[in-house]
Amino acid sequence: MGKLTDRQCKLAKADDGKDVFLNAGAGLYLRVRKGEGTAKVWLFRFKSLASNGSRWLDIGTYPVISLKDATLRAAELSAKRRSGIDPIEEQREAEEAVRQAKDDQQKSIAAVKARLTVNELFKRWASLELKARKDQGVEVRRSFAKDVLPMLGGVAAEDVKRSAIAACLDTVVERGAPVLARNLLGDLRQMFGFAIKRDYVENDPTSHLKRDDFGKKTERDRVLDDSEIKSLVNLLPKAELNEASIASIWIMLSTCCRVGEISRARWEHIDLKAGTWWIPPDNSKNSKEHNVFLSDFAKIHFEALRRLVDSRATRKGTAASPWVLPASNHEGHVCLKSLAKQIGDRQRGDKSPMANRTKRIKALVLQRGRWTPHDLRRTGATIMGTLGVRPDVIEKCLNHVQQNRLVRIYQRQTLLVEQGEAWKLLGARLELLTHP
């Protein structure tokens, strides 16, 4: 048979149901398969380097690969064979390299997907740990949404550098909020500690950063003196505060309660006849229940709040709110920051009023400087001390946890009688100062 032509390739058919091999020379054959849909495959035949037997390499189909291209390919393979290369082994290695490259690419893609961003890490941390906090992590979520996630949210958590954390905290300090920066560092450290425990990251970018690097913590010692308490009698009604807020201020001073405790107080926990207020564990800072004995002074202001709640229900034709300080725009209690904001807004001094807030920016300024709701708690405790109440009784009235572990474990006395007397003395003193 002479040299194979393109026409022969085109017309070739299987013979009597058997495959036909057409020799194109130089080890190149066209295999014509039997059956319908006849397939024509180019094969290159060569001797194995290992066994010296024949081996066949599929190099494509006709007419996808023309006779001319198949001939050129066969010539390339013959040259490789002469140089000691086995074409089949070479092809297998090439295919393996392609498979390996695909595997590496898929692993790389999976690795990228597995690299949590700070946004994703925060969501996991929040869902597993923040939700267990008393406030469901509301403050932490707000802080991260404002100061962390806009800067670092899209960065892979394991790529976050210490310098990026410091820059984030410096921004908060520059805004005039070093206390927030200190707290934020603590929260960031907890989040990355959570990530390390779960092998999301290997290193903690907050390491070697100290809270004091972003502002020293100053221990507040502000106490309102007698003249300032007397001044409040005249200042509060003129400060454009609502009646509930004014009554709450006097209650905080006369019970030494925290602002969050009065904000979340419910009427079911207050017995005005017996003169008691039970603060459940969920409402106290240390998760310890607390019983407050109400002085006549404190009861007067709780009664004022009761009248306000009942009056509001009558106007709306609804049931009275279960909350001592109901919110005006929803069914729950007032915002925990409401009282602090109202008091702070009225002590802005020379600063401009905040948008949509009171213009009475100096209405509650006192002679000895700025004061906060927590200062009322400290003031009440201080007055108790000046009236001769023992320090351990005052600590009980404040619902503080005993710092001495042995005393905390072995001395379990409640000192209820002594606490009741302490609140009574405080109330009497405030009555004298406010109604001389």
Protein backbone atom coordinates (compact mmCIF):
# COMPACT_ATOMS: atom_id res chain seq x y z
CA MET A 1 0.00 0.00 0.00
CA GLY A 2 1.35 3.40 -0.97
CA LYS A 3 1.44 6.50 1.12
CA LEU A 4 -1.85 7.16 2.93
CA THR A 5 -3.90 9.99 1.43
CA ASP A 6 -6.51 12.28 2.86
CA ARG A 7 -9.15 10.75 0.56
CA GLN A 8 -8.34 7.27 1.86
CA CYS A 9 -8.73 8.48 5.39
CA LYS A 10 -12.09 10.00 4.55
CA LEU A 11 -13.49 6.92 2.79
CA ALA A 12 -12.00 4.25 5.04
CA LYS A 13 -14.47 1.82 6.65
CA ALA A 14 -14.20 -1.18 8.94
CA ASP A 15 -13.83 -4.49 7.02
CA ASP A 16 -16.44 -7.20 7.75
CA GLY A 17 -17.12 -5.94 11.26
CA LYS A 18 -13.44 -5.74 12.17
CA ASP A 19 -11.27 -2.73 12.98
CA VAL A 20 -9.06 -1.59 10.13
CA PHE A 21 -5.57 -0.16 10.61
CA LEU A 22 -4.29 2.11 7.84
CA ASN A 23 -0.50 2.65 7.91
CA ALA A 24 0.53 6.27 7.30
CA GLY A 25 4.22 5.54 7.82
CA ALA A 26 6.73 6.61 10.49
CA GLY A 27 4.75 4.65 13.12
CA LEU A 28 1.48 6.52 12.42
CA TYR A 29 -1.74 4.47 11.93
CA LEU A 30 -5.39 5.39 11.43
CA ARG A 31 -7.62 2.94 13.26
CA VAL A 32 -11.12 2.67 11.82
CA ARG A 33 -13.45 1.23 14.45
CA LYS A 34 -16.30 -1.12 13.66
CA GLY A 35 -19.99 -0.39 14.34
CA GLU A 36 -22.30 2.59 13.81
CA GLY A 37 -20.93 6.03 14.20
CA THR A 38 -17.60 4.86 12.86
CA ALA A 39 -14.76 6.46 14.79
CA LYS A 40 -11.31 7.00 13.26
CA VAL A 41 -8.48 7.34 15.74
CA TRP A 42 -4.84 8.25 15.09
CA LEU A 43 -2.40 5.91 16.83
CA PHE A 44 1.36 6.17 17.13
CA ARG A 45 3.19 2.87 17.41
CA PHE A 46 6.62 2.63 19.00
CA LYS A 47 8.83 0.20 20.86
CA SER A 48 8.84 0.30 24.65
CA LEU A 49 12.12 1.36 26.18
CA ALA A 50 11.62 -1.07 29.03
CA SER A 51 10.44 -4.27 27.27
CA ASN A 52 11.23 -3.59 23.61
CA GLY A 53 7.62 -4.55 22.85
CA SER A 54 5.17 -2.41 20.87
CA ARG A 55 3.15 0.32 22.52
CA TRP A 56 0.32 2.37 21.07
CA LEU A 57 -0.41 6.02 21.86
CA ASP A 58 -3.74 7.64 21.03
CA ILE A 59 -3.03 11.07 19.55
CA GLY A 60 -6.55 12.12 18.53
CA THR A 61 -9.41 11.49 16.09
CA TYR A 62 -9.84 12.11 12.41
CA PRO A 63 -10.91 14.55 10.94
CA VAL A 64 -10.51 16.71 14.08
CA ILE A 65 -6.80 16.08 13.58
CA SER A 66 -5.98 16.03 9.88
CA LEU A 67 -3.57 13.64 8.19
CA LYS A 68 -1.02 16.42 7.91
CA ASP A 69 -1.19 17.35 11.62
CA ALA A 70 -1.12 13.70 12.68
CA THR A 71 1.98 13.15 10.53
CA LEU A 72 3.74 16.11 12.16
CA ARG A 73 2.78 14.86 15.61
CA ALA A 74 4.12 11.38 14.80
CA ALA A 75 7.41 12.90 13.66
CA GLU A 76 7.71 14.77 16.99
CA LEU A 77 7.03 11.57 18.93
CA SER A 78 9.57 9.62 16.86
CA ALA A 79 12.21 12.22 17.67
CA LYS A 80 11.41 11.94 21.37
CA ARG A 81 11.56 8.16 21.17
CA ARG A 82 15.00 8.35 19.61
CA SER A 83 16.14 10.65 22.41
CA GLY A 84 15.05 8.11 25.03
CA ILE A 85 11.64 9.55 25.96
CA ASP A 86 8.66 7.21 26.27
CA PRO A 87 5.70 9.20 24.81
CA ILE A 88 3.11 7.33 26.90
CA GLU A 89 4.98 7.92 30.15
CA GLU A 90 5.51 11.55 29.16
CA GLN A 91 1.79 11.97 28.52
CA ARG A 92 0.91 10.28 31.80
CA GLU A 93 3.25 12.61 33.67
CA ALA A 94 1.76 15.61 31.89
CA GLU A 95 -1.78 14.50 32.77
CA GLU A 96 -0.71 13.92 36.37
CA ALA A 97 0.80 17.40 36.49
CA VAL A 98 -2.49 18.86 35.23
CA ARG A 99 -4.45 16.90 37.83
CA GLN A 100 -2.06 18.01 40.55
CA ALA A 101 -2.36 21.62 39.44
CA LYS A 102 -6.15 21.36 39.59
CA ASP A 103 -5.97 19.78 43.05
CA ASP A 104 -3.63 22.52 44.25
CA GLN A 105 -5.95 25.16 42.82
CA GLN A 106 -8.97 23.63 44.56
CA LYS A 107 -7.05 23.40 47.82
CA SER A 108 -5.98 27.00 47.42
CA ILE A 109 -9.57 28.08 46.81
CA ALA A 110 -10.71 26.06 49.84
CA ALA A 111 -7.96 27.61 51.93
CA VAL A 112 -9.03 31.08 50.88
CA LYS A 113 -12.62 30.27 51.76
CA ALA A 114 -11.47 28.90 55.11
CA ARG A 115 -9.65 32.15 55.90
CA LEU A 116 -12.21 33.91 58.05
CA THR A 117 -12.48 37.64 57.66
CA VAL A 118 -12.78 39.75 60.79
CA ASN A 119 -16.45 40.23 59.91
CA GLU A 120 -17.02 36.47 59.84
CA LEU A 121 -14.96 35.90 62.98
CA PHE A 122 -16.94 38.54 64.84
CA LYS A 123 -20.23 36.91 63.80
CA ARG A 124 -19.08 33.53 65.10
CA TRP A 125 -17.76 35.00 68.34
CA ALA A 126 -20.96 36.99 68.83
CA SER A 127 -23.22 34.01 68.19
CA LEU A 128 -21.33 31.73 70.58
CA GLU A 129 -20.14 34.04 73.35
CA LEU A 130 -21.64 37.52 73.21
CA LYS A 131 -25.18 36.20 73.29
CA ALA A 132 -24.43 34.71 76.71
CA ARG A 133 -23.73 38.14 78.19
CA LYS A 134 -26.38 39.88 80.21
CA ASP A 135 -26.99 42.55 77.55
CA GLN A 136 -26.58 40.06 74.69
CA GLY A 137 -23.42 41.94 73.73
CA VAL A 138 -25.33 45.03 72.64
CA GLU A 139 -22.57 47.45 73.63
CA VAL A 140 -19.82 45.34 72.09
CA ARG A 141 -21.75 44.98 68.84
CA ARG A 142 -22.25 48.74 68.68
CA SER A 143 -18.59 49.41 69.40
CA PHE A 144 -17.36 46.95 66.75
CA ALA A 145 -19.84 48.23 64.18
CA LYS A 146 -18.57 51.77 64.69
CA ASP A 147 -14.85 51.40 65.29
CA VAL A 148 -13.60 47.97 64.16
CA LEU A 149 -15.55 46.44 61.30
CA PRO A 150 -15.41 49.50 58.98
CA MET A 151 -11.58 49.38 59.18
CA LEU A 152 -10.84 45.66 59.55
CA GLY A 153 -14.03 43.80 58.65
CA GLY A 154 -12.89 42.65 55.21
CA VAL A 155 -9.38 41.65 56.29
CA ALA A 156 -8.60 37.96 56.85
CA ALA A 157 -8.46 37.48 60.61
CA GLU A 158 -5.07 35.76 60.44
CA ASP A 159 -3.65 38.70 58.45
CA VAL A 160 -4.56 41.34 61.04
CA LYS A 161 -1.40 42.99 62.35
CA ARG A 162 -0.77 44.55 65.73
CA SER A 163 -0.29 47.90 63.99
CA ALA A 164 -3.80 47.68 62.52
CA ILE A 165 -5.30 47.06 65.96
CA ALA A 166 -3.32 49.98 67.41
CA ALA A 167 -4.43 52.27 64.56
CA CYS A 168 -8.05 51.29 65.17
CA LEU A 169 -7.77 52.07 68.90
CA ASP A 170 -5.87 55.31 68.25
CA THR A 171 -8.83 56.50 66.19
CA VAL A 172 -11.11 56.00 69.18
CA VAL A 173 -8.68 57.85 71.46
CA GLU A 174 -8.41 60.74 69.00
CA ARG A 175 -12.19 61.00 69.13
CA GLY A 176 -11.84 61.71 72.84
CA ALA A 177 -12.95 58.32 74.12
CA PRO A 178 -9.95 56.63 75.79
CA VAL A 179 -12.20 54.61 78.10
CA LEU A 180 -13.97 53.14 75.08
CA ALA A 181 -10.58 52.36 73.51
CA ARG A 182 -9.50 50.52 76.66
CA ASN A 183 -12.70 48.48 76.71
CA LEU A 184 -12.49 47.81 72.98
CA LEU A 185 -8.98 46.38 73.35
CA GLY A 186 -10.30 43.98 75.98
CA ASP A 187 -13.09 42.85 73.67
CA LEU A 188 -10.71 42.42 70.72
CA ARG A 189 -8.42 40.32 72.90
CA GLN A 190 -11.33 38.09 73.87
CA MET A 191 -12.39 37.67 70.23
CA PHE A 192 -8.90 36.68 69.05
CA GLY A 193 -8.53 34.39 72.06
CA PHE A 194 -11.74 32.70 70.90
CA ALA A 195 -10.23 32.40 67.39
CA ILE A 196 -6.98 30.86 68.65
CA LYS A 197 -8.83 28.23 70.68
CA ARG A 198 -10.64 27.13 67.51
CA ASP A 199 -7.57 27.27 65.23
CA TYR A 200 -9.02 30.06 63.11
CA VAL A 201 -5.78 31.98 63.64
CA GLU A 202 -2.40 31.14 65.10
CA ASN A 203 -1.38 34.49 66.57
CA ASP A 204 -3.09 37.14 68.67
CA PRO A 205 -2.54 40.60 67.12
CA THR A 206 -3.53 42.26 70.41
CA SER A 207 -0.58 40.77 72.28
CA HIS A 208 1.83 43.27 73.85
CA LEU A 209 -0.84 45.98 73.61
CA LYS A 210 -1.89 47.29 77.00
CA ARG A 211 -5.00 49.18 77.94
CA ASP A 212 -2.91 51.92 79.49
CA ASP A 213 -1.31 52.48 76.07
CA PHE A 214 -4.58 54.08 75.05
CA GLY A 215 -5.40 56.09 78.12
CA LYS A 216 -4.91 55.69 81.82
CA LYS A 217 -7.92 54.56 83.81
CA THR A 218 -8.87 57.25 86.28
CA GLU A 219 -10.85 56.23 89.32
CA ARG A 220 -13.80 58.55 89.71
CA ASP A 221 -14.25 60.05 93.15
CA ARG A 222 -16.97 62.59 92.38
CA VAL A 223 -19.39 63.00 95.26
CA LEU A 224 -22.12 65.64 95.42
CA ASP A 225 -21.86 67.67 98.60
CA ASP A 226 -24.80 68.99 100.61
CA SER A 227 -24.93 72.33 98.79
CA GLU A 228 -25.03 70.61 95.40
CA ILE A 229 -27.84 68.30 96.48
CA LYS A 230 -29.76 71.36 97.62
CA SER A 231 -29.06 73.00 94.24
CA LEU A 232 -30.60 70.05 92.41
CA VAL A 233 -33.92 70.80 94.08
CA ASN A 234 -34.10 74.03 92.08
CA LEU A 235 -32.20 72.95 88.96
CA LEU A 236 -34.04 69.76 88.09
CA PRO A 237 -37.53 71.29 87.52
CA LYS A 238 -35.99 73.95 85.24
CA ALA A 239 -33.83 71.58 83.19
CA GLU A 240 -36.65 70.45 80.89
CA LEU A 241 -36.45 66.92 82.23
CA ASN A 242 -39.61 64.85 82.35
CA GLU A 243 -41.07 64.00 85.76
CA ALA A 244 -40.02 60.36 85.51
CA SER A 245 -36.36 61.29 85.01
CA ILE A 246 -36.41 63.69 87.97
CA ALA A 247 -37.96 61.03 90.22
CA SER A 248 -35.37 58.50 88.98
CA ILE A 249 -32.50 60.80 89.94
CA TRP A 250 -33.78 61.06 93.51
CA ILE A 251 -34.34 57.28 93.63
CA MET A 252 -30.77 56.59 92.48
CA LEU A 253 -29.48 58.91 95.19
CA SER A 254 -31.66 57.49 97.97
CA THR A 255 -31.27 53.78 97.14
CA CYS A 256 -27.68 53.79 95.80
CA CYS A 257 -28.93 51.74 92.85
CA ARG A 258 -27.29 51.63 89.45
CA VAL A 259 -28.84 53.41 86.48
CA GLY A 260 -29.44 50.07 84.75
CA GLU A 261 -31.29 48.74 87.77
CA ILE A 262 -33.83 51.57 87.89
CA SER A 263 -34.14 51.57 84.09
CA ARG A 264 -35.09 47.86 84.06
CA ALA A 265 -37.17 47.88 87.24
CA ARG A 266 -40.62 46.26 87.08
CA TRP A 267 -43.59 47.06 89.30
CA GLU A 268 -44.02 43.40 90.22
CA HIS A 269 -40.71 43.64 92.11
CA ILE A 270 -41.67 46.72 94.11
CA ASP A 271 -43.88 46.63 97.20
CA LEU A 272 -44.65 50.21 98.18
CA LYS A 273 -46.67 49.14 101.23
CA ALA A 274 -43.87 47.02 102.62
CA GLY A 275 -41.28 49.48 101.36
CA THR A 276 -39.14 46.95 99.47
CA TRP A 277 -37.63 46.66 96.01
CA TRP A 278 -36.28 43.31 94.83
CA ILE A 279 -33.64 43.57 92.10
CA PRO A 280 -33.43 40.20 90.29
CA PRO A 281 -30.06 38.72 89.30
CA ASP A 282 -30.64 39.53 85.62
CA ASN A 283 -30.82 43.25 86.45
CA SER A 284 -27.81 43.50 88.75
CA LYS A 285 -24.26 44.05 87.52
CA ASN A 286 -22.82 41.10 89.44
CA SER A 287 -25.80 38.80 88.71
CA LYS A 288 -26.63 38.67 92.43
CA GLU A 289 -30.16 39.41 93.57
CA HIS A 290 -30.51 42.42 95.82
CA ASN A 291 -33.15 43.60 98.27
CA VAL A 292 -33.48 47.34 98.79
CA PHE A 293 -35.41 48.73 101.74
CA LEU A 294 -37.15 51.91 100.65
CA SER A 295 -36.99 54.92 102.94
CA ASP A 296 -39.99 57.24 103.09
CA PHE A 297 -38.01 59.58 100.79
CA ALA A 298 -37.51 56.83 98.17
CA LYS A 299 -41.14 55.69 98.41
CA ILE A 300 -42.39 59.20 97.67
CA HIS A 301 -40.55 59.19 94.34
CA PHE A 302 -41.59 55.65 93.45
CA GLU A 303 -45.19 56.66 94.14
CA ALA A 304 -44.70 59.58 91.74
CA LEU A 305 -43.54 57.14 89.06
CA ARG A 306 -46.52 54.88 89.75
CA ARG A 307 -48.91 57.78 89.20
CA LEU A 308 -47.18 58.70 85.93
CA VAL A 309 -47.47 55.14 84.61
CA ASP A 310 -51.13 54.87 85.60
CA SER A 311 -51.91 58.28 84.11
CA ARG A 312 -50.30 57.33 80.83
CA ALA A 313 -52.34 54.11 80.67
CA THR A 314 -55.54 56.05 81.34
CA ARG A 315 -54.79 58.51 78.53
CA LYS A 316 -54.11 55.73 76.06
CA GLY A 317 -56.90 53.49 77.29
CA THR A 318 -54.49 50.58 77.78
CA ALA A 319 -53.23 48.45 80.65
CA ALA A 320 -50.55 50.05 82.81
CA SER A 321 -46.99 49.23 81.79
CA PRO A 322 -45.18 46.62 83.88
CA TRP A 323 -42.07 48.80 83.69
CA VAL A 324 -41.29 51.51 86.23
CA LEU A 325 -39.76 53.56 83.40
CA PRO A 326 -41.60 52.52 80.23
CA ALA A 327 -40.23 53.57 76.87
CA SER A 328 -42.25 56.11 74.90
CA ASN A 329 -41.86 54.44 71.49
CA HIS A 330 -42.11 50.71 72.24
CA GLU A 331 -43.45 48.28 74.84
CA GLY A 332 -40.20 47.78 76.76
CA HIS A 333 -38.33 49.85 79.32
CA VAL A 334 -36.39 53.02 78.58
CA CYS A 335 -32.98 52.78 77.00
CA LEU A 336 -30.29 52.02 79.60
CA LYS A 337 -28.40 55.10 78.44
CA SER A 338 -31.38 57.43 78.53
CA LEU A 339 -30.86 58.90 82.00
CA ALA A 340 -27.10 59.28 81.52
CA LYS A 341 -27.64 61.06 78.21
CA GLN A 342 -30.25 63.40 79.68
CA ILE A 343 -27.96 64.35 82.55
CA GLY A 344 -24.88 64.64 80.32
CA ASP A 345 -26.67 66.74 77.68
CA ARG A 346 -27.44 69.33 80.36
CA GLN A 347 -23.79 69.66 81.36
CA ARG A 348 -22.17 70.27 77.97
CA GLY A 349 -21.01 73.70 79.05
CA ASP A 350 -19.60 75.59 76.07
CA LYS A 351 -20.11 72.68 73.66
CA SER A 352 -22.92 72.96 71.14
CA PRO A 353 -26.12 70.99 71.76
CA MET A 354 -26.25 67.58 70.12
CA ALA A 355 -28.61 67.15 67.18
CA ASN A 356 -32.25 66.65 68.17
CA ARG A 357 -31.37 66.95 71.85
CA THR A 358 -32.05 69.57 74.51
CA LYS A 359 -30.74 73.11 74.13
CA ARG A 360 -30.46 73.41 77.94
CA ILE A 361 -26.77 72.50 77.85
CA LYS A 362 -25.90 74.13 81.19
CA ALA A 363 -29.07 73.39 83.13
CA LEU A 364 -27.56 70.78 85.49
CA VAL A 365 -24.04 72.18 85.89
CA LEU A 366 -23.05 72.07 89.57
CA GLN A 367 -20.43 74.10 91.39
CA ARG A 368 -17.89 71.30 91.81
CA GLY A 369 -18.05 69.99 88.27
CA ARG A 370 -19.65 67.39 86.06
CA TRP A 371 -21.60 64.54 87.62
CA THR A 372 -23.09 61.30 86.35
CA PRO A 373 -25.81 58.88 87.50
CA HIS A 374 -23.15 56.64 89.03
CA ASP A 375 -21.90 59.55 91.11
CA LEU A 376 -25.32 59.57 92.78
CA ARG A 377 -24.73 56.00 93.92
CA ARG A 378 -21.31 56.98 95.32
CA THR A 379 -22.84 60.06 96.97
CA GLY A 380 -25.52 58.00 98.70
CA ALA A 381 -22.93 55.55 100.01
CA THR A 382 -20.74 58.43 101.23
CA ILE A 383 -23.65 60.02 103.10
CA MET A 384 -24.29 56.68 104.79
CA GLY A 385 -20.67 56.63 105.92
CA THR A 386 -20.83 60.15 107.34
CA LEU A 387 -23.95 59.13 109.27
CA GLY A 388 -22.03 56.35 111.00
CA VAL A 389 -23.08 53.34 108.95
CA ARG A 390 -20.45 50.59 109.08
CA PRO A 391 -18.45 49.98 105.86
CA ASP A 392 -19.54 46.33 105.65
CA VAL A 393 -23.19 47.38 105.85
CA ILE A 394 -22.67 50.00 103.12
CA GLU A 395 -21.09 47.32 100.92
CA LYS A 396 -24.18 45.18 101.42
CA CYS A 397 -26.42 48.13 100.51
CA LEU A 398 -24.38 48.56 97.32
CA ASN A 399 -24.65 44.82 96.55
CA HIS A 400 -20.88 44.64 96.16
CA VAL A 401 -19.20 41.25 96.09
CA GLN A 402 -16.86 40.82 99.04
CA GLN A 403 -13.31 41.04 97.67
CA ASN A 404 -11.77 38.93 100.44
CA ARG A 405 -12.38 35.33 99.36
CA LEU A 406 -12.30 33.86 102.85
CA VAL A 407 -14.73 36.44 104.20
CA ARG A 408 -16.96 35.85 101.17
CA ILE A 409 -17.01 32.10 101.78
CA TYR A 410 -17.35 31.93 105.55
CA GLN A 411 -19.23 35.05 106.55
CA ARG A 412 -22.69 34.71 105.03
CA GLN A 413 -24.63 37.11 107.22
CA THR A 414 -27.05 39.34 105.31
CA LEU A 415 -27.22 42.25 107.76
CA LEU A 416 -30.76 42.99 106.59
CA VAL A 417 -31.72 44.94 109.72
CA GLU A 418 -28.58 47.05 109.50
CA GLN A 419 -29.17 47.69 105.78
CA GLY A 420 -32.72 48.81 106.42
CA GLU A 421 -31.49 51.27 109.05
CA ALA A 422 -28.79 52.57 106.68
CA TRP A 423 -31.32 53.36 103.95
CA LYS A 424 -33.60 54.95 106.51
CA LEU A 425 -30.81 57.25 107.69
CA LEU A 426 -29.92 58.17 104.11
CA GLY A 427 -33.54 58.97 103.27
CA ALA A 428 -33.94 61.14 106.36
CA ARG A 429 -30.80 63.07 105.48
CA LEU A 430 -31.97 63.67 101.91
CA GLU A 431 -35.36 64.78 103.18
CA LEU A 432 -33.62 67.35 105.35
CA LEU A 433 -31.40 68.59 102.51
CA THR A 434 -34.22 68.84 99.97
CA HIS A 435 -36.91 70.19 102.32
CA PRO A 436 -35.06 72.29 104.94
